[in-house]
N, C-alpha and C. Protein backbone atom coordinates (compact mmCIF):
# COMPACT_ATOMS: atom_id res chain seq x y z
N MET A 1 55.55 104.18 38.86
CA MET A 1 56.36 105.35 38.59
C MET A 1 57.81 105.04 38.98
N ASP A 2 58.71 105.22 38.04
CA ASP A 2 60.13 105.06 38.33
C ASP A 2 60.62 106.31 39.04
N LEU A 3 61.30 106.10 40.15
CA LEU A 3 61.81 107.23 40.92
C LEU A 3 63.09 107.77 40.31
N ASN A 4 63.21 109.07 40.35
CA ASN A 4 64.47 109.73 40.01
C ASN A 4 64.55 111.00 40.85
N ASP A 5 65.66 111.69 40.78
CA ASP A 5 65.85 112.89 41.60
C ASP A 5 64.82 113.97 41.28
N LYS A 6 64.34 113.99 40.05
CA LYS A 6 63.41 115.05 39.64
C LYS A 6 61.98 114.81 40.15
N ASN A 7 61.58 113.54 40.29
CA ASN A 7 60.18 113.29 40.68
C ASN A 7 60.03 112.75 42.11
N LEU A 8 61.11 112.66 42.84
CA LEU A 8 61.06 112.10 44.19
C LEU A 8 60.10 112.88 45.10
N GLU A 9 60.18 114.19 45.08
CA GLU A 9 59.34 115.00 45.96
C GLU A 9 57.85 114.87 45.59
N VAL A 10 57.56 114.83 44.31
CA VAL A 10 56.17 114.68 43.87
C VAL A 10 55.64 113.29 44.26
N PHE A 11 56.47 112.27 44.05
CA PHE A 11 56.09 110.91 44.43
C PHE A 11 55.81 110.85 45.93
N ALA A 12 56.69 111.42 46.71
CA ALA A 12 56.52 111.42 48.17
C ALA A 12 55.25 112.16 48.57
N ALA A 13 54.97 113.30 47.94
CA ALA A 13 53.78 114.08 48.28
C ALA A 13 52.51 113.28 48.00
N LYS A 14 52.50 112.50 46.93
CA LYS A 14 51.33 111.68 46.59
C LYS A 14 51.06 110.61 47.65
N HIS A 15 52.11 110.21 48.34
CA HIS A 15 52.00 109.10 49.29
C HIS A 15 52.17 109.55 50.75
N TYR A 16 52.12 110.84 50.95
CA TYR A 16 52.27 111.41 52.30
C TYR A 16 50.98 111.18 53.08
N ARG A 17 51.09 110.80 54.34
CA ARG A 17 49.87 110.51 55.10
C ARG A 17 49.82 111.16 56.49
N SER A 18 50.64 112.15 56.70
CA SER A 18 50.64 112.83 57.99
C SER A 18 49.49 113.83 58.02
N GLU A 19 48.48 113.53 58.81
CA GLU A 19 47.30 114.39 58.89
C GLU A 19 47.58 115.66 59.69
N SER A 20 48.62 115.66 60.48
CA SER A 20 48.91 116.83 61.31
C SER A 20 49.83 117.83 60.61
N CYS A 21 50.25 117.53 59.38
CA CYS A 21 51.13 118.42 58.65
C CYS A 21 50.38 119.69 58.24
N LEU A 22 50.95 120.83 58.58
CA LEU A 22 50.30 122.10 58.31
C LEU A 22 51.03 122.96 57.28
N SER A 23 52.21 122.51 56.85
CA SER A 23 52.97 123.34 55.92
C SER A 23 53.89 122.49 55.05
N LYS A 24 54.35 123.11 53.99
CA LYS A 24 55.31 122.44 53.11
C LYS A 24 56.61 122.16 53.86
N GLU A 25 56.96 123.05 54.78
CA GLU A 25 58.20 122.86 55.55
C GLU A 25 58.13 121.58 56.39
N GLU A 26 56.97 121.31 56.97
CA GLU A 26 56.81 120.08 57.76
C GLU A 26 56.92 118.85 56.86
N PHE A 27 56.30 118.92 55.67
CA PHE A 27 56.42 117.82 54.72
C PHE A 27 57.87 117.59 54.35
N LEU A 28 58.59 118.66 54.03
CA LEU A 28 59.99 118.53 53.64
C LEU A 28 60.85 118.00 54.78
N GLU A 29 60.51 118.38 56.01
CA GLU A 29 61.23 117.85 57.18
C GLU A 29 61.01 116.35 57.30
N ASP A 30 59.76 115.92 57.13
CA ASP A 30 59.48 114.47 57.17
C ASP A 30 60.19 113.76 56.02
N LEU A 31 60.18 114.35 54.85
CA LEU A 31 60.84 113.74 53.69
C LEU A 31 62.35 113.65 53.91
N SER A 32 62.92 114.63 54.59
CA SER A 32 64.38 114.64 54.79
C SER A 32 64.86 113.48 55.67
N ARG A 33 63.96 112.86 56.40
CA ARG A 33 64.37 111.73 57.24
C ARG A 33 64.93 110.58 56.41
N HIS A 34 64.49 110.46 55.17
CA HIS A 34 65.06 109.39 54.35
C HIS A 34 66.53 109.65 54.06
N LYS A 35 66.91 110.92 53.96
CA LYS A 35 68.33 111.24 53.74
C LYS A 35 69.15 110.89 54.97
N LEU A 36 68.60 111.18 56.15
CA LEU A 36 69.30 110.83 57.39
C LEU A 36 69.45 109.32 57.52
N ALA A 37 68.38 108.60 57.21
CA ALA A 37 68.43 107.13 57.28
C ALA A 37 69.47 106.60 56.29
N LYS A 38 69.51 107.16 55.10
CA LYS A 38 70.46 106.70 54.09
C LYS A 38 71.90 106.97 54.50
N LYS A 39 72.16 108.12 55.14
CA LYS A 39 73.51 108.40 55.63
C LYS A 39 73.96 107.33 56.63
N LEU A 40 73.05 106.95 57.52
CA LEU A 40 73.38 105.91 58.49
C LEU A 40 73.54 104.55 57.83
N VAL A 41 72.73 104.27 56.83
CA VAL A 41 72.86 103.01 56.09
C VAL A 41 74.23 102.94 55.43
N LYS A 42 74.67 104.04 54.85
CA LYS A 42 75.99 104.06 54.22
C LYS A 42 77.10 103.77 55.24
N LYS A 43 76.94 104.32 56.46
CA LYS A 43 77.92 104.04 57.51
C LYS A 43 77.90 102.58 57.92
N PHE A 44 76.70 102.01 58.02
CA PHE A 44 76.59 100.59 58.36
C PHE A 44 77.21 99.72 57.27
N ALA A 45 76.94 100.06 56.03
CA ALA A 45 77.48 99.28 54.92
C ALA A 45 79.01 99.30 54.91
N ALA A 46 79.58 100.41 55.37
CA ALA A 46 81.04 100.55 55.43
C ALA A 46 81.59 100.09 56.78
N ARG A 47 80.72 99.60 57.66
CA ARG A 47 81.09 99.12 59.01
C ARG A 47 81.71 100.22 59.85
N ARG A 48 81.21 101.46 59.69
CA ARG A 48 81.72 102.59 60.46
C ARG A 48 80.77 103.03 61.55
N SER A 49 79.70 102.28 61.77
CA SER A 49 78.73 102.68 62.80
C SER A 49 78.07 101.45 63.40
N GLU A 50 77.71 101.58 64.65
CA GLU A 50 76.91 100.57 65.32
C GLU A 50 75.69 101.21 65.97
N ASN A 51 75.37 102.45 65.59
CA ASN A 51 74.26 103.18 66.18
C ASN A 51 72.95 102.76 65.52
N ILE A 52 72.56 101.53 65.77
CA ILE A 52 71.38 100.96 65.13
C ILE A 52 70.10 101.63 65.61
N ARG A 53 70.09 102.09 66.84
CA ARG A 53 68.87 102.72 67.37
C ARG A 53 68.52 103.99 66.60
N LEU A 54 69.51 104.78 66.25
CA LEU A 54 69.26 106.00 65.49
C LEU A 54 68.76 105.66 64.09
N LEU A 55 69.37 104.68 63.45
CA LEU A 55 68.91 104.24 62.13
C LEU A 55 67.46 103.75 62.21
N CYS A 56 67.17 102.93 63.20
CA CYS A 56 65.80 102.42 63.38
C CYS A 56 64.81 103.55 63.61
N ASN A 57 65.20 104.54 64.40
CA ASN A 57 64.33 105.67 64.67
C ASN A 57 63.99 106.43 63.39
N HIS A 58 64.98 106.69 62.56
CA HIS A 58 64.73 107.41 61.31
C HIS A 58 63.84 106.60 60.37
N VAL A 59 64.09 105.30 60.29
CA VAL A 59 63.27 104.45 59.41
C VAL A 59 61.83 104.42 59.91
N LEU A 60 61.65 104.26 61.21
CA LEU A 60 60.29 104.23 61.77
C LEU A 60 59.56 105.55 61.57
N CYS A 61 60.22 106.65 61.85
CA CYS A 61 59.59 107.96 61.67
C CYS A 61 59.20 108.18 60.20
N PHE A 62 60.08 107.77 59.30
CA PHE A 62 59.80 107.94 57.88
C PHE A 62 58.63 107.07 57.44
N THR A 63 58.64 105.82 57.84
CA THR A 63 57.56 104.92 57.42
C THR A 63 56.23 105.28 58.07
N ASN A 64 56.26 105.97 59.19
CA ASN A 64 55.02 106.42 59.82
C ASN A 64 54.41 107.62 59.09
N SER A 65 55.22 108.33 58.31
CA SER A 65 54.74 109.53 57.63
C SER A 65 54.28 109.28 56.20
N PHE A 66 54.66 108.16 55.63
CA PHE A 66 54.34 107.86 54.24
C PHE A 66 53.72 106.48 54.13
N GLU A 67 52.96 106.25 53.06
CA GLU A 67 52.42 104.91 52.82
C GLU A 67 53.60 103.96 52.75
N LEU A 68 53.45 102.78 53.36
CA LEU A 68 54.58 101.87 53.52
C LEU A 68 55.23 101.48 52.20
N SER A 69 54.46 101.14 51.21
CA SER A 69 55.07 100.71 49.94
C SER A 69 55.88 101.84 49.32
N ALA A 70 55.38 103.06 49.40
CA ALA A 70 56.11 104.21 48.87
C ALA A 70 57.34 104.51 49.72
N ALA A 71 57.20 104.41 51.03
CA ALA A 71 58.33 104.66 51.93
C ALA A 71 59.47 103.69 51.64
N LYS A 72 59.14 102.43 51.43
CA LYS A 72 60.19 101.44 51.13
C LYS A 72 60.87 101.77 49.81
N LYS A 73 60.10 102.18 48.83
CA LYS A 73 60.67 102.53 47.53
C LYS A 73 61.61 103.72 47.65
N ILE A 74 61.19 104.73 48.42
CA ILE A 74 62.03 105.92 48.61
C ILE A 74 63.29 105.56 49.39
N LEU A 75 63.15 104.76 50.43
CA LEU A 75 64.31 104.38 51.25
C LEU A 75 65.33 103.57 50.45
N MET A 76 64.88 102.77 49.49
CA MET A 76 65.79 101.95 48.69
C MET A 76 66.37 102.72 47.50
N PHE A 77 65.74 103.82 47.13
CA PHE A 77 66.16 104.59 45.97
C PHE A 77 67.57 105.16 46.16
N GLY A 78 68.41 104.94 45.17
CA GLY A 78 69.75 105.54 45.17
C GLY A 78 70.79 104.81 45.99
N LEU A 79 70.45 103.68 46.58
CA LEU A 79 71.43 102.93 47.38
C LEU A 79 72.17 101.94 46.50
N ASN A 80 73.44 101.67 46.84
CA ASN A 80 74.15 100.63 46.13
C ASN A 80 73.74 99.27 46.71
N GLU A 81 74.25 98.19 46.17
CA GLU A 81 73.80 96.85 46.58
C GLU A 81 74.04 96.57 48.06
N LYS A 82 75.21 96.92 48.56
CA LYS A 82 75.51 96.67 49.97
C LYS A 82 74.60 97.48 50.88
N GLU A 83 74.34 98.73 50.50
CA GLU A 83 73.46 99.58 51.28
C GLU A 83 72.02 99.07 51.25
N LYS A 84 71.61 98.54 50.10
CA LYS A 84 70.28 97.94 49.99
C LYS A 84 70.15 96.74 50.92
N GLU A 85 71.21 95.97 51.07
CA GLU A 85 71.20 94.82 51.98
C GLU A 85 70.97 95.28 53.42
N VAL A 86 71.63 96.36 53.80
CA VAL A 86 71.46 96.92 55.15
C VAL A 86 70.02 97.38 55.34
N MET A 87 69.52 98.16 54.38
CA MET A 87 68.15 98.70 54.49
C MET A 87 67.13 97.56 54.49
N LYS A 88 67.32 96.56 53.65
CA LYS A 88 66.39 95.42 53.62
C LYS A 88 66.36 94.73 54.97
N THR A 89 67.51 94.58 55.58
CA THR A 89 67.59 93.92 56.88
C THR A 89 66.81 94.69 57.94
N VAL A 90 66.94 96.01 57.94
CA VAL A 90 66.21 96.85 58.89
C VAL A 90 64.70 96.79 58.62
N LEU A 91 64.31 96.91 57.37
CA LEU A 91 62.89 96.85 57.01
C LEU A 91 62.29 95.50 57.40
N ASN A 92 63.05 94.44 57.20
CA ASN A 92 62.58 93.10 57.58
C ASN A 92 62.46 92.97 59.10
N TYR A 93 63.39 93.56 59.81
CA TYR A 93 63.38 93.53 61.28
C TYR A 93 62.05 94.07 61.82
N PHE A 94 61.55 95.12 61.20
CA PHE A 94 60.29 95.72 61.64
C PHE A 94 59.06 95.02 61.06
N GLY A 95 59.27 94.00 60.25
CA GLY A 95 58.15 93.28 59.66
C GLY A 95 57.52 94.02 58.50
N PHE A 96 58.26 94.90 57.86
CA PHE A 96 57.74 95.69 56.75
C PHE A 96 57.84 94.98 55.41
N LEU A 97 58.45 93.80 55.37
CA LEU A 97 58.60 93.07 54.12
C LEU A 97 57.81 91.78 54.15
N VAL A 98 57.25 91.43 53.02
CA VAL A 98 56.65 90.10 52.87
C VAL A 98 57.76 89.16 52.41
N PRO A 99 57.64 87.86 52.67
CA PRO A 99 58.74 86.94 52.38
C PRO A 99 59.29 86.99 50.95
N SER A 100 58.46 87.24 49.97
CA SER A 100 58.93 87.24 48.58
C SER A 100 59.39 88.61 48.08
N GLU A 101 59.39 89.60 48.95
CA GLU A 101 59.75 90.95 48.54
C GLU A 101 61.27 91.11 48.46
N MET A 102 61.71 91.77 47.43
CA MET A 102 63.13 92.05 47.19
C MET A 102 63.97 90.77 47.18
N PRO A 103 63.58 89.78 46.38
CA PRO A 103 64.28 88.48 46.41
C PRO A 103 65.73 88.54 45.94
N ASN A 104 66.08 89.54 45.14
CA ASN A 104 67.45 89.62 44.60
C ASN A 104 68.41 90.36 45.52
N ILE A 105 67.90 90.84 46.65
CA ILE A 105 68.74 91.56 47.61
C ILE A 105 68.93 90.66 48.83
N LYS A 106 70.18 90.46 49.22
CA LYS A 106 70.49 89.63 50.39
C LYS A 106 70.26 90.41 51.67
N PHE A 107 70.28 89.70 52.78
CA PHE A 107 70.26 90.33 54.09
C PHE A 107 71.70 90.59 54.51
N ASP A 108 71.90 91.63 55.31
CA ASP A 108 73.23 91.97 55.80
C ASP A 108 73.40 91.38 57.20
N LEU A 109 74.33 90.45 57.34
CA LEU A 109 74.52 89.75 58.61
C LEU A 109 75.04 90.67 59.71
N TYR A 110 75.90 91.62 59.37
CA TYR A 110 76.41 92.57 60.36
C TYR A 110 75.26 93.37 60.97
N THR A 111 74.38 93.88 60.12
CA THR A 111 73.23 94.65 60.60
C THR A 111 72.30 93.78 61.42
N ALA A 112 72.07 92.55 60.96
CA ALA A 112 71.21 91.63 61.70
C ALA A 112 71.78 91.35 63.09
N LYS A 113 73.10 91.21 63.17
CA LYS A 113 73.75 90.96 64.46
C LYS A 113 73.57 92.15 65.40
N ILE A 114 73.75 93.36 64.88
CA ILE A 114 73.59 94.56 65.70
C ILE A 114 72.13 94.71 66.14
N LEU A 115 71.19 94.40 65.26
CA LEU A 115 69.77 94.45 65.64
C LEU A 115 69.47 93.43 66.74
N LYS A 116 70.04 92.26 66.63
CA LYS A 116 69.85 91.21 67.66
C LYS A 116 70.44 91.67 68.99
N GLU A 117 71.61 92.28 68.96
CA GLU A 117 72.22 92.80 70.18
C GLU A 117 71.35 93.89 70.80
N MET A 118 70.72 94.72 69.96
CA MET A 118 69.83 95.75 70.47
C MET A 118 68.63 95.10 71.17
N ASP A 119 68.12 94.03 70.58
CA ASP A 119 67.02 93.29 71.20
C ASP A 119 67.40 92.76 72.57
N ASN A 120 68.61 92.26 72.67
CA ASN A 120 69.05 91.63 73.91
C ASN A 120 69.45 92.64 74.99
N TYR A 121 69.86 93.83 74.58
CA TYR A 121 70.33 94.83 75.52
C TYR A 121 69.16 95.35 76.36
N GLY A 122 69.30 95.27 77.64
CA GLY A 122 68.29 95.83 78.53
C GLY A 122 67.13 94.91 78.86
N TYR A 123 67.11 93.74 78.24
CA TYR A 123 66.00 92.82 78.49
C TYR A 123 66.45 91.58 79.24
N LYS A 124 67.64 91.60 79.78
CA LYS A 124 68.14 90.46 80.53
C LYS A 124 67.53 90.46 81.93
N THR A 125 67.14 89.32 82.38
CA THR A 125 66.57 89.23 83.72
C THR A 125 67.58 88.56 84.65
N ASN A 126 67.51 88.91 85.90
CA ASN A 126 68.36 88.29 86.90
C ASN A 126 67.60 87.15 87.52
N SER A 127 67.91 85.95 87.13
CA SER A 127 67.19 84.77 87.67
C SER A 127 67.96 84.13 88.78
């Protein structure tokens, strides 16, 4: 199914996997996380943000609520090439991509650097 603005909600509903969801409002709240993640991706692509933890949190929450393949498709939908590079880098960081997935999209070095810094922050030992 090709995603567009008209069928996005139906596509997401077909691939929704939150067993604790009790209402349409909860589903829509979970679905809205992709918009929040995309806003942060746009900031990263424009080099206006370094808040990688918030971006990671939105991506993780979103991928936990939807089937992974569908979540990746929704997260990539509507992004320009630079934004796709940022999102691909984050998805790869979490191990959500297989090596041959999205071969025409590059990784974003700025995002990779910020993710690496996040890894290093707080894990230094005093030897």
